Amino acid sequence: MTVPDTSAAPASPEPGRPTPATPVVASSPTAVVRPEGPWTHRDVAANGARFHIAEMGEGPLVLLLHGFPQFWWTWRHQLPALAEAGFRAVAMDLRGVGGSDRTPRGYDPANLALDITGVVRSLGEPDAALVGHDLGGYLAWTAAVMRPKLVRRLVVSSMPHPRRWRSAMLADPRQSAASSHIWGFQQPWLPERRLLADDAALVGRLIREWSGPRLPDDETVETYRRAMSIPSTAHCSIEPYRWMVRSMARPDGTQFNRRMKRPVRVPTLHLHGSLDPVMRTRSAAGSGEYVEAPYRWRLFDGLGHFPHEEDPAAFSAELIGWLKDPEPDR
């Protein structure tokens, strides 16, 4: 199974679907990852690296973690909503992405989770509610297990618990097929070249194919394509997925899987789009067996892999309502 080859001419889009090969307008890396808005940009040091963050508001910290193939900007709708609701909302670029450092190593989930908890400490906060989508969700699960005292609440979107993810990838042929891009990432160098070909046209194709009926506009897709085109980003974005697969038969992967047997002991909200073509609902559902705390499952009908962007109002309302609920187990 491989990542789709962008060297071939793209198929004609379905009616109503915009053509994803719109040329990307050149712009500086800084302009792409630090766009103007109601938020404030700055860098913080954590776990031996520098991380770019965008923040808004005051109050209890809510740390937002993006997935693939995106960067902090995916949370542009939730930042003002959370700030208005009385939270300190911070969206960070993961290691190797956006405005954060691109280090030569350190892309295993344990180290990436320490990046996240290190940012919490660097922000001067005693703890945070972690909100993670896709890979960010995988790392949020991990951080809640590794550093439970720093995680006040946990919100995960479009990603099962790491042990659930591993078993689904190995035992469920449908899930394995749905995540074929991850298997394709195991090849050396070719995935990076395919991601970057034609001004990162594949990034636009993936985002549109993984979305539900509410497709992103051309400007949104071009933003993600430009961000992926920043040197070394494609390689760094793929490295966590290489570790997740290649480590399955290695001692470090076995140790990580065993470590993730520890239950999550903070209130957890699990969000998922019913039309998600990348992570099947059946794979995500059932992650509650790893949570020894209030656990709430919420399925968004008619949404795909990016519910926070496809219907930001509904997503933000669900998120904020749960964060403010003093009894989230109801």
C-alpha atoms as a PDB file:
ATOM      1  CA  MET A   1       0.000   0.000   0.000  1.00  0.00           C
ATOM      2  CA  THR A   2       1.413   3.386  -0.989  1.00  0.00           C
ATOM      3  CA  VAL A   3       0.697   7.063  -0.852  1.00  0.00           C
ATOM      4  CA  PRO A   4      -1.157   8.151  -4.022  1.00  0.00           C
ATOM      5  CA  ASP A   5       1.298   9.050  -6.793  1.00  0.00           C
ATOM      6  CA  THR A   6       0.893  12.676  -7.788  1.00  0.00           C
ATOM      7  CA  SER A   7       2.989  12.268 -10.917  1.00  0.00           C
ATOM      8  CA  ALA A   8      -0.059  11.034 -12.770  1.00  0.00           C
ATOM      9  CA  ALA A   9      -2.673  13.463 -14.018  1.00  0.00           C
ATOM     10  CA  PRO A  10      -5.379  13.953 -11.375  1.00  0.00           C
ATOM     11  CA  ALA A  11      -8.740  12.378 -11.976  1.00  0.00           C
ATOM     12  CA  SER A  12     -11.632  14.661 -12.803  1.00  0.00           C
ATOM     13  CA  PRO A  13     -13.204  15.910  -9.581  1.00  0.00           C
ATOM     14  CA  GLU A  14     -16.667  14.897  -8.565  1.00  0.00           C
ATOM     15  CA  PRO A  15     -19.393  17.460  -9.180  1.00  0.00           C
ATOM     16  CA  GLY A  16     -19.138  20.204  -6.614  1.00  0.00           C
ATOM     17  CA  ARG A  17     -15.580  19.285  -5.616  1.00  0.00           C
ATOM     18  CA  PRO A  18     -12.984  21.973  -6.453  1.00  0.00           C
ATOM     19  CA  THR A  19      -9.886  20.924  -8.368  1.00  0.00           C
ATOM     20  CA  PRO A  20      -7.100  20.450  -5.803  1.00  0.00           C
ATOM     21  CA  ALA A  21      -4.201  21.353  -8.120  1.00  0.00           C
ATOM     22  CA  THR A  22      -4.605  25.110  -7.830  1.00  0.00           C
ATOM     23  CA  PRO A  23      -1.116  26.687  -8.068  1.00  0.00           C
ATOM     24  CA  VAL A  24       0.271  27.767  -4.722  1.00  0.00           C
ATOM     25  CA  VAL A  25       1.141  31.448  -4.419  1.00  0.00           C
ATOM     26  CA  ALA A  26       4.688  31.875  -3.136  1.00  0.00           C
ATOM     27  CA  SER A  27       5.086  33.395   0.303  1.00  0.00           C
ATOM     28  CA  SER A  28       7.669  33.371   3.079  1.00  0.00           C
ATOM     29  CA  PRO A  29       7.594  30.613   5.715  1.00  0.00           C
ATOM     30  CA  THR A  30       7.043  33.219   8.426  1.00  0.00           C
ATOM     31  CA  ALA A  31       4.000  34.645   6.654  1.00  0.00           C
ATOM     32  CA  VAL A  32       2.515  31.152   6.298  1.00  0.00           C
ATOM     33  CA  VAL A  33       2.920  29.945   9.876  1.00  0.00           C
ATOM     34  CA  ARG A  34       2.441  33.296  11.639  1.00  0.00           C
ATOM     35  CA  PRO A  35      -0.573  34.862   9.921  1.00  0.00           C
ATOM     36  CA  GLU A  36      -2.085  37.952  11.481  1.00  0.00           C
ATOM     37  CA  GLY A  37      -5.206  37.473  13.565  1.00  0.00           C
ATOM     38  CA  PRO A  38      -6.680  38.012  17.009  1.00  0.00           C
ATOM     39  CA  TRP A  39      -4.038  35.705  18.464  1.00  0.00           C
ATOM     40  CA  THR A  40      -0.469  36.395  19.601  1.00  0.00           C
ATOM     41  CA  HIS A  41       2.515  34.502  18.198  1.00  0.00           C
ATOM     42  CA  ARG A  42       5.598  33.589  20.212  1.00  0.00           C
ATOM     43  CA  ASP A  43       8.140  30.846  20.775  1.00  0.00           C
ATOM     44  CA  VAL A  44       8.657  28.776  23.908  1.00  0.00           C
ATOM     45  CA  ALA A  45      11.460  26.379  24.840  1.00  0.00           C
ATOM     46  CA  ALA A  46      10.635  22.850  25.978  1.00  0.00           C
ATOM     47  CA  ASN A  47      12.283  19.414  25.964  1.00  0.00           C
ATOM     48  CA  GLY A  48      15.412  20.672  24.220  1.00  0.00           C
ATOM     49  CA  ALA A  49      13.656  22.398  21.311  1.00  0.00           C
ATOM     50  CA  ARG A  50      11.819  25.609  20.388  1.00  0.00           C
ATOM     51  CA  PHE A  51       8.085  25.546  19.720  1.00  0.00           C
ATOM     52  CA  HIS A  52       5.907  28.115  18.013  1.00  0.00           C
ATOM     53  CA  ILE A  53       2.546  28.840  19.635  1.00  0.00           C
ATOM     54  CA  ALA A  54      -0.458  31.046  18.927  1.00  0.00           C
ATOM     55  CA  GLU A  55      -2.450  32.082  21.991  1.00  0.00           C
ATOM     56  CA  MET A  56      -5.535  33.993  23.030  1.00  0.00           C
ATOM     57  CA  GLY A  57      -7.444  34.709  26.221  1.00  0.00           C
ATOM     58  CA  GLU A  58      -6.940  34.266  29.937  1.00  0.00           C
ATOM     59  CA  GLY A  59      -8.027  31.526  32.288  1.00  0.00           C
ATOM     60  CA  PRO A  60      -7.397  27.769  32.613  1.00  0.00           C
ATOM     61  CA  LEU A  61      -5.025  26.553  29.906  1.00  0.00           C
ATOM     62  CA  VAL A  62      -6.395  24.626  26.913  1.00  0.00           C
ATOM     63  CA  LEU A  63      -3.560  23.332  24.703  1.00  0.00           C
ATOM     64  CA  LEU A  64      -4.557  22.455  21.120  1.00  0.00           C
ATOM     65  CA  LEU A  65      -2.573  19.834  19.161  1.00  0.00           C
ATOM     66  CA  HIS A  66      -2.860  19.524  15.380  1.00  0.00           C
ATOM     67  CA  GLY A  67      -2.674  16.445  13.184  1.00  0.00           C
ATOM     68  CA  PHE A  68      -1.403  15.535   9.712  1.00  0.00           C
ATOM     69  CA  PRO A  69      -1.085  17.224   7.209  1.00  0.00           C
ATOM     70  CA  GLN A  70      -1.751  20.426   9.109  1.00  0.00           C
ATOM     71  CA  PHE A  71      -0.224  22.849  11.631  1.00  0.00           C
ATOM     72  CA  TRP A  72      -1.516  25.039  14.488  1.00  0.00           C
ATOM     73  CA  TRP A  73      -3.731  27.066  12.107  1.00  0.00           C
ATOM     74  CA  THR A  74      -6.227  24.189  11.995  1.00  0.00           C
ATOM     75  CA  TRP A  75      -7.504  25.531  15.369  1.00  0.00           C
ATOM     76  CA  ARG A  76      -8.112  29.089  14.101  1.00  0.00           C
ATOM     77  CA  HIS A  77     -11.865  28.768  14.832  1.00  0.00           C
ATOM     78  CA  GLN A  78     -11.467  27.288  18.311  1.00  0.00           C
ATOM     79  CA  LEU A  79      -8.892  29.814  19.595  1.00  0.00           C
ATOM     80  CA  PRO A  80     -11.292  32.802  19.708  1.00  0.00           C
ATOM     81  CA  ALA A  81     -14.208  30.633  20.828  1.00  0.00           C
ATOM     82  CA  LEU A  82     -12.240  29.291  23.787  1.00  0.00           C
ATOM     83  CA  ALA A  83     -10.852  32.724  24.673  1.00  0.00           C
ATOM     84  CA  GLU A  84     -14.346  34.203  24.680  1.00  0.00           C
ATOM     85  CA  ALA A  85     -15.485  31.343  26.919  1.00  0.00           C
ATOM     86  CA  GLY A  86     -12.895  32.261  29.568  1.00  0.00           C
ATOM     87  CA  PHE A  87      -9.952  29.999  28.719  1.00  0.00           C
ATOM     88  CA  ARG A  88      -6.318  30.594  27.884  1.00  0.00           C
ATOM     89  CA  ALA A  89      -6.274  28.949  24.448  1.00  0.00           C
ATOM     90  CA  VAL A  90      -2.896  27.951  23.016  1.00  0.00           C
ATOM     91  CA  ALA A  91      -2.313  26.132  19.721  1.00  0.00           C
ATOM     92  CA  MET A  92       1.205  24.762  19.253  1.00  0.00           C
ATOM     93  CA  ASP A  93       3.107  23.521  16.239  1.00  0.00           C
ATOM     94  CA  LEU A  94       4.387  20.016  16.900  1.00  0.00           C
ATOM     95  CA  ARG A  95       8.099  19.284  16.551  1.00  0.00           C
ATOM     96  CA  GLY A  96       9.162  19.553  12.905  1.00  0.00           C
ATOM     97  CA  VAL A  97       6.059  21.400  11.713  1.00  0.00           C
ATOM     98  CA  GLY A  98       4.996  25.010  11.181  1.00  0.00           C
ATOM     99  CA  GLY A  99       7.192  27.420  13.115  1.00  0.00           C
ATOM    100  CA  SER A 100       8.693  24.863  15.518  1.00  0.00           C
ATOM    101  CA  ASP A 101      12.201  23.409  15.390  1.00  0.00           C
ATOM    102  CA  ARG A 102      12.952  20.699  12.837  1.00  0.00           C
ATOM    103  CA  THR A 103      15.280  18.460  14.792  1.00  0.00           C
ATOM    104  CA  PRO A 104      17.062  15.452  13.240  1.00  0.00           C
ATOM    105  CA  ARG A 105      15.477  13.028  15.725  1.00  0.00           C
ATOM    106  CA  GLY A 106      12.943  12.828  18.543  1.00  0.00           C
ATOM    107  CA  TYR A 107       9.765  11.864  16.660  1.00  0.00           C
ATOM    108  CA  ASP A 108       8.713   8.869  18.743  1.00  0.00           C
ATOM    109  CA  PRO A 109       5.427   9.424  20.622  1.00  0.00           C
ATOM    110  CA  ALA A 110       6.999   9.373  24.073  1.00  0.00           C
ATOM    111  CA  ASN A 111       9.350  12.228  23.222  1.00  0.00           C
ATOM    112  CA  LEU A 112       6.648  14.160  21.339  1.00  0.00           C
ATOM    113  CA  ALA A 113       4.400  13.835  24.391  1.00  0.00           C
ATOM    114  CA  LEU A 114       7.192  15.287  26.521  1.00  0.00           C
ATOM    115  CA  ASP A 115       7.309  18.216  24.092  1.00  0.00           C
ATOM    116  CA  ILE A 116       3.647  18.860  24.881  1.00  0.00           C
ATOM    117  CA  THR A 117       3.933  18.613  28.646  1.00  0.00           C
ATOM    118  CA  GLY A 118       7.126  20.651  28.485  1.00  0.00           C
ATOM    119  CA  VAL A 119       5.221  23.446  26.729  1.00  0.00           C
ATOM    120  CA  VAL A 120       2.633  23.342  29.535  1.00  0.00           C
ATOM    121  CA  ARG A 121       5.402  23.898  32.073  1.00  0.00           C
ATOM    122  CA  SER A 122       7.057  26.593  29.951  1.00  0.00           C
ATOM    123  CA  LEU A 123       3.776  28.485  29.855  1.00  0.00           C
ATOM    124  CA  GLY A 124       3.886  28.616  33.639  1.00  0.00           C
ATOM    125  CA  GLU A 125       0.735  26.580  34.114  1.00  0.00           C
ATOM    126  CA  PRO A 126       0.198  23.765  36.642  1.00  0.00           C
ATOM    127  CA  ASP A 127      -1.779  21.695  34.115  1.00  0.00           C
ATOM    128  CA  ALA A 128      -3.777  21.879  30.890  1.00  0.00           C
ATOM    129  CA  ALA A 129      -6.777  20.462  29.126  1.00  0.00           C
ATOM    130  CA  LEU A 130      -5.268  18.781  26.075  1.00  0.00           C
ATOM    131  CA  VAL A 131      -7.252  18.859  22.833  1.00  0.00           C
ATOM    132  CA  GLY A 132      -5.709  16.731  20.086  1.00  0.00           C
ATOM    133  CA  HIS A 133      -6.763  15.845  16.556  1.00  0.00           C
ATOM    134  CA  ASP A 134      -5.368  12.926  14.512  1.00  0.00           C
ATOM    135  CA  LEU A 135      -1.651  12.605  15.413  1.00  0.00           C
ATOM    136  CA  GLY A 136      -2.195  15.312  18.022  1.00  0.00           C
ATOM    137  CA  GLY A 137      -4.866  13.070  19.543  1.00  0.00           C
ATOM    138  CA  TYR A 138      -2.488  10.107  19.624  1.00  0.00           C
ATOM    139  CA  LEU A 139       0.038  12.266  21.482  1.00  0.00           C
ATOM    140  CA  ALA A 140      -2.630  13.642  23.828  1.00  0.00           C
ATOM    141  CA  TRP A 141      -3.548  10.080  24.844  1.00  0.00           C
ATOM    142  CA  THR A 142       0.162   9.418  25.408  1.00  0.00           C
ATOM    143  CA  ALA A 143       0.749  12.561  27.477  1.00  0.00           C
ATOM    144  CA  ALA A 144      -2.238  11.795  29.695  1.00  0.00           C
ATOM    145  CA  VAL A 145      -0.663   8.424  30.538  1.00  0.00           C
ATOM    146  CA  MET A 146       2.932   9.616  30.886  1.00  0.00           C
ATOM    147  CA  ARG A 147       2.354  12.870  32.783  1.00  0.00           C
ATOM    148  CA  PRO A 148      -1.109  12.598  34.369  1.00  0.00           C
ATOM    149  CA  LYS A 149      -0.476  15.394  36.884  1.00  0.00           C
ATOM    150  CA  LEU A 150      -0.039  17.887  34.025  1.00  0.00           C
ATOM    151  CA  VAL A 151      -3.250  16.919  32.209  1.00  0.00           C
ATOM    152  CA  ARG A 152      -6.445  18.288  33.724  1.00  0.00           C
ATOM    153  CA  ARG A 153      -8.805  16.970  31.055  1.00  0.00           C
ATOM    154  CA  LEU A 154      -8.397  15.171  27.744  1.00  0.00           C
ATOM    155  CA  VAL A 155     -10.181  15.747  24.438  1.00  0.00           C
ATOM    156  CA  VAL A 156      -9.356  13.580  21.426  1.00  0.00           C
ATOM    157  CA  SER A 157     -10.764  13.894  17.912  1.00  0.00           C
ATOM    158  CA  SER A 158     -10.464  11.404  15.041  1.00  0.00           C
ATOM    159  CA  MET A 159      -7.982   9.101  16.788  1.00  0.00           C
ATOM    160  CA  PRO A 160      -8.385   6.016  19.000  1.00  0.00           C
ATOM    161  CA  HIS A 161      -6.258   5.205  22.013  1.00  0.00           C
ATOM    162  CA  PRO A 162      -2.756   4.099  20.843  1.00  0.00           C
ATOM    163  CA  ARG A 163      -3.337   0.475  21.838  1.00  0.00           C
ATOM    164  CA  ARG A 164      -6.673   0.494  20.053  1.00  0.00           C
ATOM    165  CA  TRP A 165      -5.000   2.063  17.001  1.00  0.00           C
ATOM    166  CA  ARG A 166      -2.307  -0.630  16.961  1.00  0.00           C
ATOM    167  CA  SER A 167      -4.749  -3.522  17.194  1.00  0.00           C
ATOM    168  CA  ALA A 168      -7.018  -2.031  14.513  1.00  0.00           C
ATOM    169  CA  MET A 169      -4.128  -1.513  12.104  1.00  0.00           C
ATOM    170  CA  LEU A 170      -2.940  -5.097  12.573  1.00  0.00           C
ATOM    171  CA  ALA A 171      -6.226  -6.993  12.864  1.00  0.00           C
ATOM    172  CA  ASP A 172      -8.809  -5.033  10.850  1.00  0.00           C
ATOM    173  CA  PRO A 173      -8.228  -5.165   7.061  1.00  0.00           C
ATOM    174  CA  ARG A 174     -10.675  -2.317   6.501  1.00  0.00           C
ATOM    175  CA  GLN A 175      -8.847  -0.037   8.895  1.00  0.00           C
ATOM    176  CA  SER A 176      -5.524  -1.041   7.385  1.00  0.00           C
ATOM    177  CA  ALA A 177      -6.845  -0.095   3.940  1.00  0.00           C
ATOM    178  CA  ALA A 178      -8.323   3.178   5.216  1.00  0.00           C
ATOM    179  CA  SER A 179      -4.913   4.128   6.621  1.00  0.00           C
ATOM    180  CA  SER A 180      -2.967   3.056   3.529  1.00  0.00           C
ATOM    181  CA  HIS A 181      -1.078   6.348   3.531  1.00  0.00           C
ATOM    182  CA  ILE A 182       0.611   5.305   6.791  1.00  0.00           C
ATOM    183  CA  TRP A 183       1.862   2.076   5.258  1.00  0.00           C
ATOM    184  CA  GLY A 184       3.077   4.093   2.261  1.00  0.00           C
ATOM    185  CA  PHE A 185       5.044   6.370   4.575  1.00  0.00           C
ATOM    186  CA  GLN A 186       7.350   3.457   5.438  1.00  0.00           C
ATOM    187  CA  GLN A 187       9.209   3.805   2.147  1.00  0.00           C
ATOM    188  CA  PRO A 188      12.378   5.911   2.246  1.00  0.00           C
ATOM    189  CA  TRP A 189      12.281   9.369   0.618  1.00  0.00           C
ATOM    190  CA  LEU A 190       9.493   8.663  -1.896  1.00  0.00           C
ATOM    191  CA  PRO A 191       6.651   9.783   0.413  1.00  0.00           C
ATOM    192  CA  GLU A 192       8.350  13.136   0.983  1.00  0.00           C
ATOM    193  CA  ARG A 193       8.786  13.657  -2.745  1.00  0.00           C
ATOM    194  CA  ARG A 194       5.160  12.795  -3.422  1.00  0.00           C
ATOM    195  CA  LEU A 195       3.952  15.148  -0.717  1.00  0.00           C
ATOM    196  CA  LEU A 196       5.970  18.019  -2.205  1.00  0.00           C
ATOM    197  CA  ALA A 197       5.338  17.343  -5.909  1.00  0.00           C
ATOM    198  CA  ASP A 198       3.426  20.034  -7.813  1.00  0.00           C
ATOM    199  CA  ASP A 199       3.546  22.497  -4.910  1.00  0.00           C
ATOM    200  CA  ALA A 200       2.312  19.891  -2.410  1.00  0.00           C
ATOM    201  CA  ALA A 201      -0.787  19.105  -4.467  1.00  0.00           C
ATOM    202  CA  LEU A 202      -1.167  15.795  -2.627  1.00  0.00           C
ATOM    203  CA  VAL A 203      -1.763  17.663   0.635  1.00  0.00           C
ATOM    204  CA  GLY A 204      -4.775  19.344  -0.933  1.00  0.00           C
ATOM    205  CA  ARG A 205      -6.043  16.055  -2.321  1.00  0.00           C
ATOM    206  CA  LEU A 206      -5.793  14.311   1.044  1.00  0.00           C
ATOM    207  CA  ILE A 207      -7.537  17.096   2.956  1.00  0.00           C
ATOM    208  CA  ARG A 208     -10.432  17.139   0.498  1.00  0.00           C
ATOM    209  CA  GLU A 209     -10.706  13.355   0.225  1.00  0.00           C
ATOM    210  CA  TRP A 210     -10.668  12.962   4.015  1.00  0.00           C
ATOM    211  CA  SER A 211     -13.302  15.650   4.582  1.00  0.00           C
ATOM    212  CA  GLY A 212     -17.039  15.048   4.597  1.00  0.00           C
ATOM    213  CA  PRO A 213     -19.472  16.928   2.340  1.00  0.00           C
ATOM    214  CA  ARG A 214     -18.416  20.294   3.818  1.00  0.00           C
ATOM    215  CA  LEU A 215     -15.248  20.793   1.808  1.00  0.00           C
ATOM    216  CA  PRO A 216     -12.551  23.352   2.638  1.00  0.00           C
ATOM    217  CA  ASP A 217     -12.218  26.317   0.307  1.00  0.00           C
ATOM    218  CA  ASP A 218      -9.237  26.860  -2.002  1.00  0.00           C
ATOM    219  CA  GLU A 219      -7.570  29.385   0.313  1.00  0.00           C
ATOM    220  CA  THR A 220      -7.599  26.926   3.220  1.00  0.00           C
ATOM    221  CA  VAL A 221      -6.130  24.135   1.118  1.00  0.00           C
ATOM    222  CA  GLU A 222      -3.428  26.409  -0.302  1.00  0.00           C
ATOM    223  CA  THR A 223      -2.422  27.430   3.227  1.00  0.00           C
ATOM    224  CA  TYR A 224      -1.760  23.813   4.159  1.00  0.00           C
ATOM    225  CA  ARG A 225       0.087  23.213   0.906  1.00  0.00           C
ATOM    226  CA  ARG A 226       2.367  26.207   1.527  1.00  0.00           C
ATOM    227  CA  ALA A 227       3.040  25.087   5.107  1.00  0.00           C
ATOM    228  CA  MET A 228       4.005  21.586   3.929  1.00  0.00           C
ATOM    229  CA  SER A 229       6.343  23.115   1.323  1.00  0.00           C
ATOM    230  CA  ILE A 230       8.561  24.704   3.992  1.00  0.00           C
ATOM    231  CA  PRO A 231      11.888  22.813   3.831  1.00  0.00           C
ATOM    232  CA  SER A 232      12.109  19.636   5.953  1.00  0.00           C
ATOM    233  CA  THR A 233       8.431  19.779   6.984  1.00  0.00           C
ATOM    234  CA  ALA A 234       7.356  16.835   4.829  1.00  0.00           C
ATOM    235  CA  HIS A 235      10.079  14.596   6.263  1.00  0.00           C
ATOM    236  CA  CYS A 236       9.415  15.634   9.864  1.00  0.00           C
ATOM    237  CA  SER A 237       5.640  15.183   9.407  1.00  0.00           C
ATOM    238  CA  ILE A 238       6.124  11.600   8.244  1.00  0.00           C
ATOM    239  CA  GLU A 239       8.678  10.499  10.852  1.00  0.00           C
ATOM    240  CA  PRO A 240       6.151   9.895  13.699  1.00  0.00           C
ATOM    241  CA  TYR A 241       4.189   7.506  11.475  1.00  0.00           C
ATOM    242  CA  ARG A 242       7.348   5.662  10.509  1.00  0.00           C
ATOM    243  CA  TRP A 243       8.088   5.081  14.177  1.00  0.00           C
ATOM    244  CA  MET A 244       4.510   3.965  14.903  1.00  0.00           C
ATOM    245  CA  VAL A 245       4.720   1.188  12.283  1.00  0.00           C
ATOM    246  CA  ARG A 246       8.385   0.198  12.319  1.00  0.00           C
ATOM    247  CA  SER A 247       8.493  -0.052  16.101  1.00  0.00           C
ATOM    248  CA  MET A 248       5.706  -2.633  16.258  1.00  0.00           C
ATOM    249  CA  ALA A 249       8.215  -5.482  16.113  1.00  0.00           C
ATOM    250  CA  ARG A 250      10.985  -3.696  18.018  1.00  0.00           C
ATOM    251  CA  PRO A 251      11.658  -3.605  21.772  1.00  0.00           C
ATOM    252  CA  ASP A 252      10.976   0.140  21.985  1.00  0.00           C
ATOM    253  CA  GLY A 253       7.576  -0.322  20.368  1.00  0.00           C
ATOM    254  CA  THR A 254       6.733  -3.232  22.635  1.00  0.00           C
ATOM    255  CA  GLN A 255       7.764  -1.185  25.667  1.00  0.00           C
ATOM    256  CA  PHE A 256       5.629   1.765  24.545  1.00  0.00           C
ATOM    257  CA  ASN A 257       2.615  -0.464  23.941  1.00  0.00           C
ATOM    258  CA  ARG A 258       3.031  -2.011  27.383  1.00  0.00           C
ATOM    259  CA  ARG A 259       3.395   1.433  28.943  1.00  0.00           C
ATOM    260  CA  MET A 260       0.109   2.523  27.378  1.00  0.00           C
ATOM    261  CA  LYS A 261      -1.702  -0.187  29.347  1.00  0.00           C
ATOM    262  CA  ARG A 262      -1.787   2.294  32.199  1.00  0.00           C
ATOM    263  CA  PRO A 263      -5.287   3.715  32.307  1.00  0.00           C
ATOM    264  CA  VAL A 264      -6.113   7.347  31.608  1.00  0.00           C
ATOM    265  CA  ARG A 265      -7.350   8.805  34.876  1.00  0.00           C
ATOM    266  CA  VAL A 266      -8.649  12.206  33.763  1.00  0.00           C
ATOM    267  CA  PRO A 267     -12.105  13.048  32.346  1.00  0.00           C
ATOM    268  CA  THR A 268     -12.034  12.329  28.621  1.00  0.00           C
ATOM    269  CA  LEU A 269     -14.140  13.573  25.709  1.00  0.00           C
ATOM    270  CA  HIS A 270     -13.829  11.537  22.512  1.00  0.00           C
ATOM    271  CA  LEU A 271     -15.073  13.176  19.305  1.00  0.00           C
ATOM    272  CA  HIS A 272     -15.429  11.585  15.883  1.00  0.00           C
ATOM    273  CA  GLY A 273     -16.958  12.260  12.476  1.00  0.00           C
ATOM    274  CA  SER A 274     -19.386   9.595  11.273  1.00  0.00           C
ATOM    275  CA  LEU A 275     -18.009   9.845   7.706  1.00  0.00           C
ATOM    276  CA  ASP A 276     -14.323   9.747   8.639  1.00  0.00           C
ATOM    277  CA  PRO A 277     -12.666   7.723   5.830  1.00  0.00           C
ATOM    278  CA  VAL A 278      -9.261   7.585   7.514  1.00  0.00           C
ATOM    279  CA  MET A 279     -10.122   6.348  10.998  1.00  0.00           C
ATOM    280  CA  ARG A 280     -13.169   4.104  11.061  1.00  0.00           C
ATOM    281  CA  THR A 281     -15.746   4.730  13.761  1.00  0.00           C
ATOM    282  CA  ARG A 282     -15.448   1.094  14.787  1.00  0.00           C
ATOM    283  CA  SER A 283     -11.706   1.582  15.368  1.00  0.00           C
ATOM    284  CA  ALA A 284     -12.119   4.708  17.474  1.00  0.00           C
ATOM    285  CA  ALA A 285     -15.104   3.523  19.496  1.00  0.00           C
ATOM    286  CA  GLY A 286     -14.066   1.328  22.372  1.00  0.00           C
ATOM    287  CA  SER A 287     -11.166   3.502  23.480  1.00  0.00           C
ATOM    288  CA  GLY A 288     -13.104   4.098  26.682  1.00  0.00           C
ATOM    289  CA  GLU A 289     -11.877   0.754  27.992  1.00  0.00           C
ATOM    290  CA  TYR A 290      -8.526   2.468  28.622  1.00  0.00           C
ATOM    291  CA  VAL A 291     -10.084   5.309  30.646  1.00  0.00           C
ATOM    292  CA  GLU A 292     -10.704   4.961  34.391  1.00  0.00           C
ATOM    293  CA  ALA A 293     -12.457   8.320  34.648  1.00  0.00           C
ATOM    294  CA  PRO A 294     -15.583   9.955  33.199  1.00  0.00           C
ATOM    295  CA  TYR A 295     -15.608   9.211  29.461  1.00  0.00           C
ATOM    296  CA  ARG A 296     -17.946  10.762  26.914  1.00  0.00           C
ATOM    297  CA  TRP A 297     -18.225   9.647  23.266  1.00  0.00           C
ATOM    298  CA  ARG A 298     -19.678  12.101  20.750  1.00  0.00           C
ATOM    299  CA  LEU A 299     -20.253  11.197  17.095  1.00  0.00           C
ATOM    300  CA  PHE A 300     -20.762  14.099  14.665  1.00  0.00           C
ATOM    301  CA  ASP A 301     -23.199  12.957  11.998  1.00  0.00           C
ATOM    302  CA  GLY A 302     -22.226  13.848   8.435  1.00  0.00           C
ATOM    303  CA  LEU A 303     -18.682  15.015   9.191  1.00  0.00           C
ATOM    304  CA  GLY A 304     -15.391  13.535   8.064  1.00  0.00           C
ATOM    305  CA  HIS A 305     -11.871  13.472   9.456  1.00  0.00           C
ATOM    306  CA  PHE A 306     -11.705  17.189  10.348  1.00  0.00           C
ATOM    307  CA  PRO A 307     -14.851  17.920  12.409  1.00  0.00           C
ATOM    308  CA  HIS A 308     -13.275  20.984  14.047  1.00  0.00           C
ATOM    309  CA  GLU A 309     -12.903  22.585  10.606  1.00  0.00           C
ATOM    310  CA  GLU A 310     -15.906  21.104   8.827  1.00  0.00           C
ATOM    311  CA  ASP A 311     -18.365  22.349  11.461  1.00  0.00           C
ATOM    312  CA  PRO A 312     -16.368  24.592  13.815  1.00  0.00           C
ATOM    313  CA  ALA A 313     -19.444  25.999  15.581  1.00  0.00           C
ATOM    314  CA  ALA A 314     -20.775  22.566  16.565  1.00  0.00           C
ATOM    315  CA  PHE A 315     -17.320  21.311  17.524  1.00  0.00           C
ATOM    316  CA  SER A 316     -16.524  24.375  19.640  1.00  0.00           C
ATOM    317  CA  ALA A 317     -19.902  24.244  21.364  1.00  0.00           C
ATOM    318  CA  GLU A 318     -19.396  20.577  22.293  1.00  0.00           C
ATOM    319  CA  LEU A 319     -15.834  21.227  23.445  1.00  0.00           C
ATOM    320  CA  ILE A 320     -16.590  24.303  25.540  1.00  0.00           C
ATOM    321  CA  GLY A 321     -19.730  22.834  27.056  1.00  0.00           C
ATOM    322  CA  TRP A 322     -17.786  19.791  28.209  1.00  0.00           C
ATOM    323  CA  LEU A 323     -14.810  21.801  29.496  1.00  0.00           C
ATOM    324  CA  LYS A 324     -17.160  23.933  31.594  1.00  0.00           C
ATOM    325  CA  ASP A 325     -19.192  20.987  32.880  1.00  0.00           C
ATOM    326  CA  PRO A 326     -18.212  20.343  36.515  1.00  0.00           C
ATOM    327  CA  GLU A 327     -19.668  16.840  36.252  1.00  0.00           C
ATOM    328  CA  PRO A 328     -18.556  15.548  32.837  1.00  0.00           C
ATOM    329  CA  ASP A 329     -19.664  12.002  33.591  1.00  0.00           C
ATOM    330  CA  ARG A 330     -23.344  12.853  33.238  1.00  0.00           C
END
